C-alpha atoms as a PDB file:
ATOM      1  CA  UNK A   1     -37.962 -18.276  -7.297  1.00  0.00           C
ATOM      2  CA  UNK A   2     -34.890 -16.811  -5.680  1.00  0.00           C
ATOM      3  CA  UNK A   3     -32.034 -15.765  -7.787  1.00  0.00           C
ATOM      4  CA  UNK A   4     -29.149 -18.166  -7.871  1.00  0.00           C
ATOM      5  CA  UNK A   5     -25.833 -16.985  -6.732  1.00  0.00           C
ATOM      6  CA  UNK A   6     -22.489 -18.238  -7.774  1.00  0.00           C
ATOM      7  CA  UNK A   7     -20.573 -18.523  -4.454  1.00  0.00           C
ATOM      8  CA  UNK A   8     -17.198 -18.015  -6.240  1.00  0.00           C
ATOM      9  CA  UNK A   9     -18.305 -14.956  -8.237  1.00  0.00           C
ATOM     10  CA  UNK A  10     -17.558 -11.394  -7.109  1.00  0.00           C
ATOM     11  CA  UNK A  11     -20.250  -9.700  -5.335  1.00  0.00           C
ATOM     12  CA  UNK A  12     -22.178  -7.481  -7.823  1.00  0.00           C
ATOM     13  CA  UNK A  13     -21.015  -4.235  -6.279  1.00  0.00           C
ATOM     14  CA  UNK A  14     -17.370  -5.091  -6.184  1.00  0.00           C
ATOM     15  CA  UNK A  15     -16.706  -4.480  -9.861  1.00  0.00           C
ATOM     16  CA  UNK A  16     -18.625  -1.170  -9.552  1.00  0.00           C
ATOM     17  CA  UNK A  17     -16.514  -0.147  -6.501  1.00  0.00           C
ATOM     18  CA  UNK A  18     -13.244  -1.133  -8.179  1.00  0.00           C
ATOM     19  CA  UNK A  19     -14.223   0.711 -11.456  1.00  0.00           C
ATOM     20  CA  UNK A  20     -15.170   3.798  -9.627  1.00  0.00           C
ATOM     21  CA  UNK A  21     -11.682   3.818  -7.810  1.00  0.00           C
ATOM     22  CA  UNK A  22      -9.848   3.089 -10.954  1.00  0.00           C
ATOM     23  CA  UNK A  23     -11.739   6.045 -12.566  1.00  0.00           C
ATOM     24  CA  UNK A  24     -10.589   8.212  -9.578  1.00  0.00           C
ATOM     25  CA  UNK A  25      -7.027   7.136 -10.286  1.00  0.00           C
ATOM     26  CA  UNK A  26      -7.267   8.091 -13.942  1.00  0.00           C
ATOM     27  CA  UNK A  27      -8.750  11.539 -12.965  1.00  0.00           C
ATOM     28  CA  UNK A  28      -6.149  12.227 -10.354  1.00  0.00           C
ATOM     29  CA  UNK A  29      -3.410  11.120 -12.758  1.00  0.00           C
ATOM     30  CA  UNK A  30      -4.814  13.545 -15.387  1.00  0.00           C
ATOM     31  CA  UNK A  31      -4.959  16.300 -12.825  1.00  0.00           C
ATOM     32  CA  UNK A  32      -1.388  15.675 -11.548  1.00  0.00           C
ATOM     33  CA  UNK A  33      -0.163  15.795 -15.225  1.00  0.00           C
ATOM     34  CA  UNK A  34      -1.091  19.364 -15.468  1.00  0.00           C
ATOM     35  CA  UNK A  35      -0.825  20.403 -11.710  1.00  0.00           C
ATOM     36  CA  UNK A  36       1.874  18.739  -9.852  1.00  0.00           C
ATOM     37  CA  UNK A  37       0.462  19.858  -6.614  1.00  0.00           C
ATOM     38  CA  UNK A  38      -2.235  17.165  -7.246  1.00  0.00           C
ATOM     39  CA  UNK A  39       0.295  14.352  -6.936  1.00  0.00           C
ATOM     40  CA  UNK A  40      -0.600  13.715  -3.209  1.00  0.00           C
ATOM     41  CA  UNK A  41      -4.150  13.162  -4.563  1.00  0.00           C
ATOM     42  CA  UNK A  42      -2.943  10.644  -6.928  1.00  0.00           C
ATOM     43  CA  UNK A  43      -1.012   8.681  -4.234  1.00  0.00           C
ATOM     44  CA  UNK A  44      -4.060   8.802  -2.181  1.00  0.00           C
ATOM     45  CA  UNK A  45      -6.184   7.422  -5.042  1.00  0.00           C
ATOM     46  CA  UNK A  46      -3.722   4.808  -5.864  1.00  0.00           C
ATOM     47  CA  UNK A  47      -3.588   3.660  -2.097  1.00  0.00           C
ATOM     48  CA  UNK A  48      -7.418   3.500  -2.065  1.00  0.00           C
ATOM     49  CA  UNK A  49      -7.595   1.470  -5.204  1.00  0.00           C
ATOM     50  CA  UNK A  50      -5.059  -1.042  -3.720  1.00  0.00           C
ATOM     51  CA  UNK A  51      -7.182  -1.259  -0.588  1.00  0.00           C
ATOM     52  CA  UNK A  52     -10.403  -2.011  -2.601  1.00  0.00           C
ATOM     53  CA  UNK A  53      -8.564  -4.592  -4.508  1.00  0.00           C
ATOM     54  CA  UNK A  54      -7.453  -6.286  -1.409  1.00  0.00           C
ATOM     55  CA  UNK A  55     -10.893  -6.029   0.226  1.00  0.00           C
ATOM     56  CA  UNK A  56     -12.368  -7.676  -2.716  1.00  0.00           C
ATOM     57  CA  UNK A  57      -9.827 -10.694  -2.397  1.00  0.00           C
ATOM     58  CA  UNK A  58      -7.900  -9.507  -5.456  1.00  0.00           C
ATOM     59  CA  UNK A  59      -4.627  -9.229  -3.853  1.00  0.00           C
ATOM     60  CA  UNK A  60      -2.435  -9.560  -6.851  1.00  0.00           C
ATOM     61  CA  UNK A  61      -4.358  -6.679  -8.469  1.00  0.00           C
ATOM     62  CA  UNK A  62      -3.725  -4.601  -5.319  1.00  0.00           C
ATOM     63  CA  UNK A  63       0.099  -4.722  -5.920  1.00  0.00           C
ATOM     64  CA  UNK A  64       0.229  -2.386  -9.004  1.00  0.00           C
ATOM     65  CA  UNK A  65      -1.497   0.511  -7.454  1.00  0.00           C
ATOM     66  CA  UNK A  66       0.431   0.117  -4.079  1.00  0.00           C
ATOM     67  CA  UNK A  67       3.805   0.048  -5.913  1.00  0.00           C
ATOM     68  CA  UNK A  68       2.786   3.141  -7.917  1.00  0.00           C
ATOM     69  CA  UNK A  69       1.715   4.977  -4.746  1.00  0.00           C
ATOM     70  CA  UNK A  70       5.103   4.242  -3.385  1.00  0.00           C
ATOM     71  CA  UNK A  71       6.821   5.594  -6.437  1.00  0.00           C
ATOM     72  CA  UNK A  72       4.620   8.775  -6.179  1.00  0.00           C
ATOM     73  CA  UNK A  73       5.382   9.194  -2.534  1.00  0.00           C
ATOM     74  CA  UNK A  74       9.057   8.867  -3.381  1.00  0.00           C
ATOM     75  CA  UNK A  75       8.843  11.739  -5.740  1.00  0.00           C
ATOM     76  CA  UNK A  76       7.013  13.913  -3.352  1.00  0.00           C
ATOM     77  CA  UNK A  77       9.583  13.227  -0.621  1.00  0.00           C
ATOM     78  CA  UNK A  78      12.287  14.323  -3.003  1.00  0.00           C
ATOM     79  CA  UNK A  79      10.381  17.670  -3.366  1.00  0.00           C
ATOM     80  CA  UNK A  80       9.169  18.032   0.242  1.00  0.00           C
ATOM     81  CA  UNK A  81      10.852  15.882   3.133  1.00  0.00           C
ATOM     82  CA  UNK A  82       7.864  16.598   5.256  1.00  0.00           C
ATOM     83  CA  UNK A  83       6.018  13.847   3.248  1.00  0.00           C
ATOM     84  CA  UNK A  84       8.373  11.181   4.619  1.00  0.00           C
ATOM     85  CA  UNK A  85       5.682   9.739   7.041  1.00  0.00           C
ATOM     86  CA  UNK A  86       3.374   9.130   3.996  1.00  0.00           C
ATOM     87  CA  UNK A  87       6.173   7.309   2.051  1.00  0.00           C
ATOM     88  CA  UNK A  88       6.878   5.272   5.254  1.00  0.00           C
ATOM     89  CA  UNK A  89       3.192   4.206   5.533  1.00  0.00           C
ATOM     90  CA  UNK A  90       2.995   3.457   1.800  1.00  0.00           C
ATOM     91  CA  UNK A  91       6.144   1.213   2.098  1.00  0.00           C
ATOM     92  CA  UNK A  92       4.715  -0.538   5.098  1.00  0.00           C
ATOM     93  CA  UNK A  93       1.482  -1.207   3.217  1.00  0.00           C
ATOM     94  CA  UNK A  94       3.258  -2.382   0.180  1.00  0.00           C
ATOM     95  CA  UNK A  95       5.225  -4.791   2.485  1.00  0.00           C
ATOM     96  CA  UNK A  96       2.133  -6.276   3.891  1.00  0.00           C
ATOM     97  CA  UNK A  97       0.721  -6.653   0.347  1.00  0.00           C
ATOM     98  CA  UNK A  98       3.705  -8.421  -0.923  1.00  0.00           C
ATOM     99  CA  UNK A  99       3.669 -10.878   1.902  1.00  0.00           C
ATOM    100  CA  UNK A 100       0.026 -11.618   1.234  1.00  0.00           C
ATOM    101  CA  UNK A 101       0.676 -12.846  -2.256  1.00  0.00           C
ATOM    102  CA  UNK A 102       3.986 -14.812  -1.181  1.00  0.00           C
ATOM    103  CA  UNK A 103       6.432 -12.379  -2.231  1.00  0.00           C
ATOM    104  CA  UNK A 104       8.477 -12.519   0.876  1.00  0.00           C
ATOM    105  CA  UNK A 105      11.675 -11.081  -0.344  1.00  0.00           C
ATOM    106  CA  UNK A 106       9.900  -7.989  -1.556  1.00  0.00           C
ATOM    107  CA  UNK A 107       7.967  -7.798   1.672  1.00  0.00           C
ATOM    108  CA  UNK A 108      11.100  -7.885   3.735  1.00  0.00           C
ATOM    109  CA  UNK A 109      12.751  -5.202   1.576  1.00  0.00           C
ATOM    110  CA  UNK A 110       9.834  -2.787   1.603  1.00  0.00           C
ATOM    111  CA  UNK A 111       9.120  -3.282   5.259  1.00  0.00           C
ATOM    112  CA  UNK A 112      12.765  -2.858   6.272  1.00  0.00           C
ATOM    113  CA  UNK A 113      12.692   0.464   4.364  1.00  0.00           C
ATOM    114  CA  UNK A 114       9.582   1.434   6.245  1.00  0.00           C
ATOM    115  CA  UNK A 115      11.124   0.592   9.583  1.00  0.00           C
ATOM    116  CA  UNK A 116      14.296   2.773   8.734  1.00  0.00           C
ATOM    117  CA  UNK A 117      12.108   5.693   7.845  1.00  0.00           C
ATOM    118  CA  UNK A 118       9.974   5.314  10.891  1.00  0.00           C
ATOM    119  CA  UNK A 119      13.017   5.044  13.005  1.00  0.00           C
ATOM    120  CA  UNK A 120      14.326   8.316  11.752  1.00  0.00           C
ATOM    121  CA  UNK A 121      10.854   9.986  12.308  1.00  0.00           C
ATOM    122  CA  UNK A 122      10.589   8.405  15.820  1.00  0.00           C
ATOM    123  CA  UNK A 123      13.997   9.746  16.726  1.00  0.00           C
ATOM    124  CA  UNK A 124      12.925  13.289  15.846  1.00  0.00           C
ATOM    125  CA  UNK A 125       9.327  12.893  17.046  1.00  0.00           C
ATOM    126  CA  UNK A 126       8.074  10.265  19.777  1.00  0.00           C
ATOM    127  CA  UNK A 127       4.733  10.330  18.188  1.00  0.00           C
ATOM    128  CA  UNK A 128       6.030   8.083  15.475  1.00  0.00           C
ATOM    129  CA  UNK A 129       7.033   5.203  17.901  1.00  0.00           C
ATOM    130  CA  UNK A 130       3.628   3.356  17.498  1.00  0.00           C
ATOM    131  CA  UNK A 131       4.236   3.441  13.771  1.00  0.00           C
ATOM    132  CA  UNK A 132       7.737   2.240  14.130  1.00  0.00           C
ATOM    133  CA  UNK A 133       6.502  -0.621  16.442  1.00  0.00           C
ATOM    134  CA  UNK A 134       3.824  -1.730  13.954  1.00  0.00           C
ATOM    135  CA  UNK A 135       6.185  -1.615  11.096  1.00  0.00           C
ATOM    136  CA  UNK A 136       8.865  -3.496  13.052  1.00  0.00           C
ATOM    137  CA  UNK A 137       6.201  -6.140  13.941  1.00  0.00           C
ATOM    138  CA  UNK A 138       5.450  -6.577  10.218  1.00  0.00           C
ATOM    139  CA  UNK A 139       9.080  -6.781   9.199  1.00  0.00           C
ATOM    140  CA  UNK A 140       9.442  -9.524  11.770  1.00  0.00           C
ATOM    141  CA  UNK A 141       6.502 -11.364  10.400  1.00  0.00           C
ATOM    142  CA  UNK A 142       7.708 -11.094   6.817  1.00  0.00           C
ATOM    143  CA  UNK A 143      11.183 -12.363   7.993  1.00  0.00           C
ATOM    144  CA  UNK A 144       9.658 -15.461   9.752  1.00  0.00           C
ATOM    145  CA  UNK A 145       7.677 -16.196   6.575  1.00  0.00           C
ATOM    146  CA  UNK A 146      10.981 -16.457   4.530  1.00  0.00           C
ATOM    147  CA  UNK A 147      12.774 -18.794   7.096  1.00  0.00           C
ATOM    148  CA  UNK A 148      12.167 -22.461   6.578  1.00  0.00           C
ATOM    149  CA  UNK A 149      10.437 -24.153   9.446  1.00  0.00           C
ATOM    150  CA  UNK A 150      12.230 -26.853  11.405  1.00  0.00           C
ATOM    151  CA  UNK A 151      10.527 -29.196  13.780  1.00  0.00           C
END
């Protein structure tokens, strides 16, 4: 007889994948404590954990790692302004994640910051124009979600 499957339960491997990524975050957090040069690895691991939560439909769970990734990127930019593109990307990602869970004000604020950073980057290097365009589109989508619909 085939095994019954609860349609609302997480797929069996989802919990394993999330646990593996959470373990990677813990490892990178430990390494970054003793070697600040590993902070970019922590930021990457946090971003990956947020993406895994999102892919599993656990959007609220994705917010914490995404917010922490932004905080790590802010610290990195303070030490090395060349890391500004990673901060802009993390802010844009956080804006999208906030939008997905209905936190429109936060989505707009994070996206506005991403647009501002991408604008500075695009002014210095036209290669960032596509990123600026995408972040601007996200910002507009978040703004429209905040406005009451009139028909």
